[in-house]
Structure formats: C-alpha cells, structure tokens
Amino acid sequence: MKGPAITFPEDNPETPSRAVKFLEALKRRPVRTIIVILLCWVAYEAGTLPFGEITDLRGDNPSETAFMRLHAEDARTRKRVFHLAHEWAPLRRIPSDLVNAVIVAEDGTFWNHGGFDWFELKESIVRNFSQRRAARGASTISQQLVKNLFLSPSKNPVRKIREWVLTWWLEKRLSKARILELYLNVIELGEGVYGVQAASKMYFGKDVAELSRDESVRLAAVIPRPRRYRPDGSSRYVARRADLILERMAARGMVN
C-alpha cells in the first residue's frame, strides 16, 4: 500500500519560486526593492574592500601589487617569462627633482587636494564627452596608487566606484608624504619594472639618489606609457614631455 506522496516547495507548482516572488515585489514596490538591492550590494562591496590593508600601509611596505600579479599572470598565459624588478627606496633618498617632476607630470595639486582633483575631473568629462572617447584622464596620484595596489586597469564603473571609496579611505588614514612614498615605489616604469629605484638601476645604472635632474624628468615623462617608451631612449615623445615637465617645474619655482 502506497502512502501519500511527499512534495517539496520546489516541486509544488502552487508555491512561487524566488524569482517569481522577486518580480512580484519589484512590481508592487519598485523603488523600495531597488534601494534594498543597492544597499545589499554596497554592504557586500564594503565588506570586501581592503580597508585594513590600507591602514596597515602606514608602517608596512607592500612587497607586491595587484598590477604585479596581473602582469605575472598575463605573462604565464602567454607562456612568457616574467622578470620582476622591484626595490624599495625611502622617500628621503629620492631626489627632490624626481619628486617634483612626478607631481608636476601626474598630479599638480597633490599636496592640496583630498584625493580627487575636481577641476581636472570636470575638464576630463567635458573633453571626453565632446570627443566621444577617453581622450583625457583625471586620476590623482592617490587614485593611481589605489588602482595599482588593489584593483586593475579595467574601465568597469564598479571598479571605479571601488577606487573612489578606497582613495577616500587612503587619504584619511595615510599622510601625503607616505602616499607619495608608496606611489614612487610601486608605479610601473617598464615591463616588469616597478618603482623609481628599480627603474633608476635598470635604465641609468645608478641608485635613485644619484639621478640627475634630466634623468629624473625623463623618468617621470614615461609614467603614462611605461611599456611603450624608455626614459633612456631617443623617443621624441619622451623628449617633448620632459621639456614640458621642466617648463612647469620652472614656472613653479622648482628649478634653481
């Protein structure tokens, strides 16, 4: 004799699925449902962001970055050998000419803003919109540091939101001098070359503290395209950009 059939909620056609319940809730209260979804997403993102790692950077020097791991993985995918050149140099040993050249080239208002250059951001949006392409960037040194340490080169809007949140936290937890020191030590300056110390030895055969003003300026000139140009090469792009950086340094009284 057979007993009564046992049914489960998933098998009962009269029991609505989660998807159906969600759609019904969305129809009844669309705004509230969307807000709840956004809050859940924000909570999830906040829970996965490396706030603690940023706080630790006040005293810890990172041995690797997200970009290093990304480029190493890319090399493995292409079945190529990845040679990593990375050596730490404290800010006090980095020549002022190099520090000034990088600031002038990458983030002229670095010492004054709170992580974001709103004027440059507005100008970037206007120009990119008018040309219908990414013709001009507006990332500050703080934003670039966050991207290099924890994120990726992706243009994904979600990645950009994470960058903004982490940049805000970075500026709250670290001093400007420490942010600059970290940036100068992890910035990519060639394929597999990270930081000004490794770049100085790679291209000029000397310690970063021994760099001349011309060498410092040329090193800063390749930051936007480190895999395409070498600071010790004969590229007209590097020469023109180096001259422009020197002009800006002179205009700010950074050149004696």
C-alpha atoms as a PDB file:
ATOM      1  CA  MET A   1       0.000   0.000   0.000  1.00  0.00           C
ATOM      2  CA  LYS A   2       1.452   3.314  -1.061  1.00  0.00           C
ATOM      3  CA  GLY A   3       1.447   6.244   1.322  1.00  0.00           C
ATOM      4  CA  PRO A   4       0.643   9.814   0.398  1.00  0.00           C
ATOM      5  CA  ALA A   5       3.078  11.453  -1.997  1.00  0.00           C
ATOM      6  CA  ILE A   6       5.591  13.777  -0.361  1.00  0.00           C
ATOM      7  CA  THR A   7       6.071  17.102  -2.086  1.00  0.00           C
ATOM      8  CA  PHE A   8       8.662  19.813  -1.548  1.00  0.00           C
ATOM      9  CA  PRO A   9       8.157  23.556  -2.014  1.00  0.00           C
ATOM     10  CA  GLU A  10      10.299  23.491  -5.173  1.00  0.00           C
ATOM     11  CA  ASP A  11       8.099  20.699  -6.636  1.00  0.00           C
ATOM     12  CA  ASN A  12       4.753  22.267  -5.783  1.00  0.00           C
ATOM     13  CA  PRO A  13       3.535  24.271  -8.771  1.00  0.00           C
ATOM     14  CA  GLU A  14       1.415  26.367  -6.425  1.00  0.00           C
ATOM     15  CA  THR A  15       4.482  27.545  -4.465  1.00  0.00           C
ATOM     16  CA  PRO A  16       6.015  30.581  -6.213  1.00  0.00           C
ATOM     17  CA  SER A  17       9.740  30.446  -6.856  1.00  0.00           C
ATOM     18  CA  ARG A  18      12.154  33.058  -5.508  1.00  0.00           C
ATOM     19  CA  ALA A  19      12.389  34.622  -8.943  1.00  0.00           C
ATOM     20  CA  VAL A  20       8.603  34.983  -9.113  1.00  0.00           C
ATOM     21  CA  LYS A  21       8.497  36.462  -5.607  1.00  0.00           C
ATOM     22  CA  PHE A  22      11.224  38.923  -6.555  1.00  0.00           C
ATOM     23  CA  LEU A  23       9.373  40.026  -9.690  1.00  0.00           C
ATOM     24  CA  GLU A  24       6.141  40.436  -7.733  1.00  0.00           C
ATOM     25  CA  ALA A  25       7.929  42.546  -5.119  1.00  0.00           C
ATOM     26  CA  LEU A  26       9.541  44.607  -7.876  1.00  0.00           C
ATOM     27  CA  LYS A  27       6.127  45.285  -9.439  1.00  0.00           C
ATOM     28  CA  ARG A  28       4.499  46.213  -6.131  1.00  0.00           C
ATOM     29  CA  ARG A  29       7.302  48.383  -4.740  1.00  0.00           C
ATOM     30  CA  PRO A  30       9.916  49.014  -7.448  1.00  0.00           C
ATOM     31  CA  VAL A  31      11.731  51.895  -5.754  1.00  0.00           C
ATOM     32  CA  ARG A  32      11.940  50.168  -2.396  1.00  0.00           C
ATOM     33  CA  THR A  33      13.118  46.906  -3.956  1.00  0.00           C
ATOM     34  CA  ILE A  34      15.832  48.644  -5.979  1.00  0.00           C
ATOM     35  CA  ILE A  35      17.011  50.553  -2.892  1.00  0.00           C
ATOM     36  CA  VAL A  36      17.242  47.323  -0.907  1.00  0.00           C
ATOM     37  CA  ILE A  37      19.238  45.700  -3.704  1.00  0.00           C
ATOM     38  CA  LEU A  38      21.613  48.657  -3.882  1.00  0.00           C
ATOM     39  CA  LEU A  39      22.084  48.672  -0.105  1.00  0.00           C
ATOM     40  CA  CYS A  40      22.852  44.958  -0.141  1.00  0.00           C
ATOM     41  CA  TRP A  41      25.347  45.481  -2.962  1.00  0.00           C
ATOM     42  CA  VAL A  42      27.013  48.384  -1.147  1.00  0.00           C
ATOM     43  CA  ALA A  43      27.228  46.323   2.050  1.00  0.00           C
ATOM     44  CA  TYR A  44      28.811  43.452   0.145  1.00  0.00           C
ATOM     45  CA  GLU A  45      31.314  45.702  -1.600  1.00  0.00           C
ATOM     46  CA  ALA A  46      32.197  47.470   1.651  1.00  0.00           C
ATOM     47  CA  GLY A  47      32.780  44.130   3.316  1.00  0.00           C
ATOM     48  CA  THR A  48      35.226  43.024   0.622  1.00  0.00           C
ATOM     49  CA  LEU A  49      37.224  46.254   0.287  1.00  0.00           C
ATOM     50  CA  PRO A  50      40.758  46.164   1.789  1.00  0.00           C
ATOM     51  CA  PHE A  51      40.316  48.924   4.368  1.00  0.00           C
ATOM     52  CA  GLY A  52      42.524  47.109   6.851  1.00  0.00           C
ATOM     53  CA  GLU A  53      45.307  46.635   4.327  1.00  0.00           C
ATOM     54  CA  ILE A  54      45.329  50.362   3.602  1.00  0.00           C
ATOM     55  CA  THR A  55      45.574  51.175   7.307  1.00  0.00           C
ATOM     56  CA  ASP A  56      48.499  48.746   7.610  1.00  0.00           C
ATOM     57  CA  LEU A  57      50.331  50.687   4.903  1.00  0.00           C
ATOM     58  CA  ARG A  58      51.132  53.362   7.472  1.00  0.00           C
ATOM     59  CA  GLY A  59      54.020  51.160   8.568  1.00  0.00           C
ATOM     60  CA  ASP A  60      54.205  48.258   6.118  1.00  0.00           C
ATOM     61  CA  ASN A  61      55.825  48.393   2.692  1.00  0.00           C
ATOM     62  CA  PRO A  62      53.960  46.253   0.126  1.00  0.00           C
ATOM     63  CA  SER A  63      56.067  43.520  -1.461  1.00  0.00           C
ATOM     64  CA  GLU A  64      53.723  43.168  -4.444  1.00  0.00           C
ATOM     65  CA  THR A  65      50.742  44.894  -6.027  1.00  0.00           C
ATOM     66  CA  ALA A  66      47.637  43.897  -7.942  1.00  0.00           C
ATOM     67  CA  PHE A  67      49.323  45.110 -11.139  1.00  0.00           C
ATOM     68  CA  MET A  68      52.379  42.933 -10.498  1.00  0.00           C
ATOM     69  CA  ARG A  69      50.167  39.874 -10.048  1.00  0.00           C
ATOM     70  CA  LEU A  70      48.128  40.795 -13.123  1.00  0.00           C
ATOM     71  CA  HIS A  71      51.181  41.188 -15.336  1.00  0.00           C
ATOM     72  CA  ALA A  72      52.759  37.997 -13.996  1.00  0.00           C
ATOM     73  CA  GLU A  73      49.575  36.069 -14.765  1.00  0.00           C
ATOM     74  CA  ASP A  74      49.400  37.620 -18.231  1.00  0.00           C
ATOM     75  CA  ALA A  75      52.967  36.501 -18.895  1.00  0.00           C
ATOM     76  CA  ARG A  76      52.146  32.953 -17.795  1.00  0.00           C
ATOM     77  CA  THR A  77      49.102  32.947 -20.074  1.00  0.00           C
ATOM     78  CA  ARG A  78      51.303  33.983 -22.983  1.00  0.00           C
ATOM     79  CA  LYS A  79      53.906  31.390 -21.906  1.00  0.00           C
ATOM     80  CA  ARG A  80      56.499  34.085 -21.360  1.00  0.00           C
ATOM     81  CA  VAL A  81      58.976  34.537 -18.517  1.00  0.00           C
ATOM     82  CA  PHE A  82      58.055  37.366 -16.151  1.00  0.00           C
ATOM     83  CA  HIS A  83      61.106  39.161 -14.770  1.00  0.00           C
ATOM     84  CA  LEU A  84      60.217  41.340 -11.776  1.00  0.00           C
ATOM     85  CA  ALA A  85      62.446  44.278 -10.842  1.00  0.00           C
ATOM     86  CA  HIS A  86      61.318  45.953  -7.632  1.00  0.00           C
ATOM     87  CA  GLU A  87      63.421  47.519  -4.902  1.00  0.00           C
ATOM     88  CA  TRP A  88      62.297  49.832  -2.112  1.00  0.00           C
ATOM     89  CA  ALA A  89      63.706  53.341  -1.582  1.00  0.00           C
ATOM     90  CA  PRO A  90      62.570  55.573   1.308  1.00  0.00           C
ATOM     91  CA  LEU A  91      61.259  58.996   0.329  1.00  0.00           C
ATOM     92  CA  ARG A  92      64.195  60.767   1.964  1.00  0.00           C
ATOM     93  CA  ARG A  93      66.578  59.151  -0.558  1.00  0.00           C
ATOM     94  CA  ILE A  94      64.570  60.071  -3.630  1.00  0.00           C
ATOM     95  CA  PRO A  95      65.839  63.309  -5.235  1.00  0.00           C
ATOM     96  CA  SER A  96      63.564  66.335  -4.911  1.00  0.00           C
ATOM     97  CA  ASP A  97      63.836  66.839  -8.687  1.00  0.00           C
ATOM     98  CA  LEU A  98      62.266  63.418  -9.237  1.00  0.00           C
ATOM     99  CA  VAL A  99      59.569  64.012  -6.629  1.00  0.00           C
ATOM    100  CA  ASN A 100      58.705  67.402  -8.133  1.00  0.00           C
ATOM    101  CA  ALA A 101      58.785  66.074 -11.700  1.00  0.00           C
ATOM    102  CA  VAL A 102      56.334  63.277 -10.855  1.00  0.00           C
ATOM    103  CA  ILE A 103      53.954  65.639  -9.071  1.00  0.00           C
ATOM    104  CA  VAL A 104      54.058  68.183 -11.900  1.00  0.00           C
ATOM    105  CA  ALA A 105      53.555  65.457 -14.506  1.00  0.00           C
ATOM    106  CA  GLU A 106      50.857  63.422 -12.773  1.00  0.00           C
ATOM    107  CA  ASP A 107      49.061  65.484 -10.137  1.00  0.00           C
ATOM    108  CA  GLY A 108      49.849  69.168  -9.861  1.00  0.00           C
ATOM    109  CA  THR A 109      47.576  69.771  -6.873  1.00  0.00           C
ATOM    110  CA  PHE A 110      48.648  66.648  -4.962  1.00  0.00           C
ATOM    111  CA  TRP A 111      49.599  68.456  -1.751  1.00  0.00           C
ATOM    112  CA  ASN A 112      46.324  70.387  -1.605  1.00  0.00           C
ATOM    113  CA  HIS A 113      43.500  68.030  -2.606  1.00  0.00           C
ATOM    114  CA  GLY A 114      41.809  65.331  -0.545  1.00  0.00           C
ATOM    115  CA  GLY A 115      42.351  62.563  -3.070  1.00  0.00           C
ATOM    116  CA  PHE A 116      40.389  63.993  -6.005  1.00  0.00           C
ATOM    117  CA  ASP A 117      41.114  66.881  -8.351  1.00  0.00           C
ATOM    118  CA  TRP A 118      37.568  68.043  -9.079  1.00  0.00           C
ATOM    119  CA  PHE A 119      38.637  70.659 -11.639  1.00  0.00           C
ATOM    120  CA  GLU A 120      40.595  68.102 -13.668  1.00  0.00           C
ATOM    121  CA  LEU A 121      37.712  65.650 -13.343  1.00  0.00           C
ATOM    122  CA  LYS A 122      35.272  68.205 -14.751  1.00  0.00           C
ATOM    123  CA  GLU A 123      37.628  69.096 -17.603  1.00  0.00           C
ATOM    124  CA  SER A 124      38.146  65.404 -18.350  1.00  0.00           C
ATOM    125  CA  ILE A 125      34.410  64.721 -18.527  1.00  0.00           C
ATOM    126  CA  VAL A 126      33.815  67.701 -20.838  1.00  0.00           C
ATOM    127  CA  ARG A 127      36.662  66.788 -23.181  1.00  0.00           C
ATOM    128  CA  ASN A 128      35.893  63.064 -23.278  1.00  0.00           C
ATOM    129  CA  PHE A 129      32.224  63.770 -23.923  1.00  0.00           C
ATOM    130  CA  SER A 130      32.976  66.215 -26.735  1.00  0.00           C
ATOM    131  CA  GLN A 131      35.429  63.811 -28.402  1.00  0.00           C
ATOM    132  CA  ARG A 132      33.356  60.725 -27.570  1.00  0.00           C
ATOM    133  CA  ARG A 133      36.394  58.827 -26.326  1.00  0.00           C
ATOM    134  CA  ALA A 134      38.736  58.623 -23.327  1.00  0.00           C
ATOM    135  CA  ALA A 135      40.939  61.472 -24.518  1.00  0.00           C
ATOM    136  CA  ARG A 136      41.915  62.811 -21.107  1.00  0.00           C
ATOM    137  CA  GLY A 137      42.338  61.245 -17.686  1.00  0.00           C
ATOM    138  CA  ALA A 138      41.943  62.890 -14.305  1.00  0.00           C
ATOM    139  CA  SER A 139      43.261  60.337 -11.819  1.00  0.00           C
ATOM    140  CA  THR A 140      45.298  61.746  -8.952  1.00  0.00           C
ATOM    141  CA  ILE A 141      48.397  60.110  -7.514  1.00  0.00           C
ATOM    142  CA  SER A 142      46.243  58.754  -4.678  1.00  0.00           C
ATOM    143  CA  GLN A 143      43.801  57.179  -7.144  1.00  0.00           C
ATOM    144  CA  GLN A 144      46.628  55.706  -9.207  1.00  0.00           C
ATOM    145  CA  LEU A 145      48.191  54.229  -6.069  1.00  0.00           C
ATOM    146  CA  VAL A 146      44.925  52.554  -5.039  1.00  0.00           C
ATOM    147  CA  LYS A 147      44.454  51.159  -8.536  1.00  0.00           C
ATOM    148  CA  ASN A 148      47.996  49.784  -8.668  1.00  0.00           C
ATOM    149  CA  LEU A 149      47.899  48.238  -5.212  1.00  0.00           C
ATOM    150  CA  PHE A 150      44.429  46.712  -5.112  1.00  0.00           C
ATOM    151  CA  LEU A 151      42.500  46.971  -8.377  1.00  0.00           C
ATOM    152  CA  SER A 152      43.084  46.689 -12.130  1.00  0.00           C
ATOM    153  CA  PRO A 153      43.309  48.851 -15.290  1.00  0.00           C
ATOM    154  CA  SER A 154      39.676  47.985 -16.093  1.00  0.00           C
ATOM    155  CA  LYS A 155      37.292  50.800 -17.052  1.00  0.00           C
ATOM    156  CA  ASN A 156      34.425  48.996 -15.322  1.00  0.00           C
ATOM    157  CA  PRO A 157      32.198  51.518 -13.452  1.00  0.00           C
ATOM    158  CA  VAL A 158      32.095  49.236 -10.398  1.00  0.00           C
ATOM    159  CA  ARG A 159      35.899  49.196 -10.318  1.00  0.00           C
ATOM    160  CA  LYS A 160      35.869  52.989 -10.477  1.00  0.00           C
ATOM    161  CA  ILE A 161      33.493  53.227  -7.511  1.00  0.00           C
ATOM    162  CA  ARG A 162      35.764  50.935  -5.516  1.00  0.00           C
ATOM    163  CA  GLU A 163      38.682  53.166  -6.471  1.00  0.00           C
ATOM    164  CA  TRP A 164      36.910  56.281  -5.200  1.00  0.00           C
ATOM    165  CA  VAL A 165      35.960  54.689  -1.886  1.00  0.00           C
ATOM    166  CA  LEU A 166      39.471  53.351  -1.300  1.00  0.00           C
ATOM    167  CA  THR A 167      41.045  56.669  -2.322  1.00  0.00           C
ATOM    168  CA  TRP A 168      38.909  58.479   0.264  1.00  0.00           C
ATOM    169  CA  TRP A 169      39.994  55.979   2.921  1.00  0.00           C
ATOM    170  CA  LEU A 170      43.654  56.200   1.847  1.00  0.00           C
ATOM    171  CA  GLU A 171      43.666  59.962   2.272  1.00  0.00           C
ATOM    172  CA  LYS A 172      42.037  59.633   5.709  1.00  0.00           C
ATOM    173  CA  ARG A 173      44.499  57.058   7.032  1.00  0.00           C
ATOM    174  CA  LEU A 174      47.860  57.979   5.462  1.00  0.00           C
ATOM    175  CA  SER A 175      49.887  61.168   5.287  1.00  0.00           C
ATOM    176  CA  LYS A 176      50.582  62.823   1.961  1.00  0.00           C
ATOM    177  CA  ALA A 177      54.278  62.040   2.272  1.00  0.00           C
ATOM    178  CA  ARG A 178      53.532  58.349   2.866  1.00  0.00           C
ATOM    179  CA  ILE A 179      51.145  58.206  -0.106  1.00  0.00           C
ATOM    180  CA  LEU A 180      53.826  59.727  -2.316  1.00  0.00           C
ATOM    181  CA  GLU A 181      56.479  57.332  -0.992  1.00  0.00           C
ATOM    182  CA  LEU A 182      54.269  54.336  -1.730  1.00  0.00           C
ATOM    183  CA  TYR A 183      53.414  55.615  -5.201  1.00  0.00           C
ATOM    184  CA  LEU A 184      57.049  56.201  -6.169  1.00  0.00           C
ATOM    185  CA  ASN A 185      57.924  52.684  -5.052  1.00  0.00           C
ATOM    186  CA  VAL A 186      55.184  50.732  -6.822  1.00  0.00           C
ATOM    187  CA  ILE A 187      54.469  52.696 -10.001  1.00  0.00           C
ATOM    188  CA  GLU A 188      55.149  50.717 -13.185  1.00  0.00           C
ATOM    189  CA  LEU A 189      58.066  52.154 -15.178  1.00  0.00           C
ATOM    190  CA  GLY A 190      58.615  49.440 -17.746  1.00  0.00           C
ATOM    191  CA  GLU A 191      57.699  45.839 -18.403  1.00  0.00           C
ATOM    192  CA  GLY A 192      58.363  44.137 -15.073  1.00  0.00           C
ATOM    193  CA  VAL A 193      59.953  47.289 -13.630  1.00  0.00           C
ATOM    194  CA  TYR A 194      58.235  48.798 -10.585  1.00  0.00           C
ATOM    195  CA  GLY A 195      59.306  51.776  -8.526  1.00  0.00           C
ATOM    196  CA  VAL A 196      61.855  54.511  -9.130  1.00  0.00           C
ATOM    197  CA  GLN A 197      64.749  52.617  -7.507  1.00  0.00           C
ATOM    198  CA  ALA A 198      64.448  49.612  -9.813  1.00  0.00           C
ATOM    199  CA  ALA A 199      63.904  51.913 -12.809  1.00  0.00           C
ATOM    200  CA  SER A 200      66.956  54.005 -11.952  1.00  0.00           C
ATOM    201  CA  LYS A 201      69.179  50.944 -11.865  1.00  0.00           C
ATOM    202  CA  MET A 202      67.580  49.417 -14.949  1.00  0.00           C
ATOM    203  CA  TYR A 203      67.826  52.450 -17.235  1.00  0.00           C
ATOM    204  CA  PHE A 204      70.652  54.569 -15.833  1.00  0.00           C
ATOM    205  CA  GLY A 205      72.758  52.039 -13.928  1.00  0.00           C
ATOM    206  CA  LYS A 206      72.750  54.003 -10.700  1.00  0.00           C
ATOM    207  CA  ASP A 207      70.996  54.360  -7.363  1.00  0.00           C
ATOM    208  CA  VAL A 208      67.922  56.588  -7.407  1.00  0.00           C
ATOM    209  CA  ALA A 209      69.646  59.061  -5.058  1.00  0.00           C
ATOM    210  CA  GLU A 210      72.247  59.710  -7.776  1.00  0.00           C
ATOM    211  CA  LEU A 211      69.828  60.639 -10.563  1.00  0.00           C
ATOM    212  CA  SER A 212      70.406  63.953 -12.311  1.00  0.00           C
ATOM    213  CA  ARG A 213      67.598  66.407 -12.952  1.00  0.00           C
ATOM    214  CA  ASP A 214      67.400  65.433 -16.622  1.00  0.00           C
ATOM    215  CA  GLU A 215      67.234  61.730 -15.747  1.00  0.00           C
ATOM    216  CA  SER A 216      64.576  62.394 -13.109  1.00  0.00           C
ATOM    217  CA  VAL A 217      62.428  64.331 -15.537  1.00  0.00           C
ATOM    218  CA  ARG A 218      62.736  61.681 -18.240  1.00  0.00           C
ATOM    219  CA  LEU A 219      61.742  59.008 -15.738  1.00  0.00           C
ATOM    220  CA  ALA A 220      58.620  60.979 -14.842  1.00  0.00           C
ATOM    221  CA  ALA A 221      57.885  61.520 -18.539  1.00  0.00           C
ATOM    222  CA  VAL A 222      57.273  57.818 -19.263  1.00  0.00           C
ATOM    223  CA  ILE A 223      54.771  57.179 -16.433  1.00  0.00           C
ATOM    224  CA  PRO A 224      51.686  57.406 -18.710  1.00  0.00           C
ATOM    225  CA  ARG A 225      53.133  54.844 -21.175  1.00  0.00           C
ATOM    226  CA  PRO A 226      55.814  52.853 -19.373  1.00  0.00           C
ATOM    227  CA  ARG A 227      55.599  49.805 -21.615  1.00  0.00           C
ATOM    228  CA  ARG A 228      55.951  51.761 -24.820  1.00  0.00           C
ATOM    229  CA  TYR A 229      58.735  54.235 -24.009  1.00  0.00           C
ATOM    230  CA  ARG A 230      62.045  54.101 -22.156  1.00  0.00           C
ATOM    231  CA  PRO A 231      63.403  57.079 -20.214  1.00  0.00           C
ATOM    232  CA  ASP A 232      66.885  56.400 -21.608  1.00  0.00           C
ATOM    233  CA  GLY A 233      65.718  56.182 -25.218  1.00  0.00           C
ATOM    234  CA  SER A 234      65.648  58.695 -28.061  1.00  0.00           C
ATOM    235  CA  SER A 235      61.865  58.966 -28.364  1.00  0.00           C
ATOM    236  CA  ARG A 236      60.584  62.399 -29.399  1.00  0.00           C
ATOM    237  CA  TYR A 237      57.536  61.788 -27.185  1.00  0.00           C
ATOM    238  CA  VAL A 238      59.739  61.429 -24.091  1.00  0.00           C
ATOM    239  CA  ALA A 239      61.864  64.435 -25.074  1.00  0.00           C
ATOM    240  CA  ARG A 240      58.821  66.685 -25.627  1.00  0.00           C
ATOM    241  CA  ARG A 241      57.137  65.541 -22.432  1.00  0.00           C
ATOM    242  CA  ALA A 242      60.362  66.002 -20.451  1.00  0.00           C
ATOM    243  CA  ASP A 243      60.714  69.573 -21.766  1.00  0.00           C
ATOM    244  CA  LEU A 244      57.104  70.314 -20.782  1.00  0.00           C
ATOM    245  CA  ILE A 245      57.666  68.957 -17.267  1.00  0.00           C
ATOM    246  CA  LEU A 246      60.791  71.078 -16.892  1.00  0.00           C
ATOM    247  CA  GLU A 247      58.879  74.181 -18.020  1.00  0.00           C
ATOM    248  CA  ARG A 248      56.176  73.522 -15.440  1.00  0.00           C
ATOM    249  CA  MET A 249      58.764  72.952 -12.724  1.00  0.00           C
ATOM    250  CA  ALA A 250      60.464  76.230 -13.609  1.00  0.00           C
ATOM    251  CA  ALA A 251      57.126  78.069 -13.564  1.00  0.00           C
ATOM    252  CA  ARG A 252      56.548  76.789 -10.032  1.00  0.00           C
ATOM    253  CA  GLY A 253      59.999  77.803  -8.831  1.00  0.00           C
ATOM    254  CA  MET A 254      61.202  74.202  -8.517  1.00  0.00           C
ATOM    255  CA  VAL A 255      64.263  74.746 -10.715  1.00  0.00           C
ATOM    256  CA  ASN A 256      67.166  76.808  -9.430  1.00  0.00           C
END
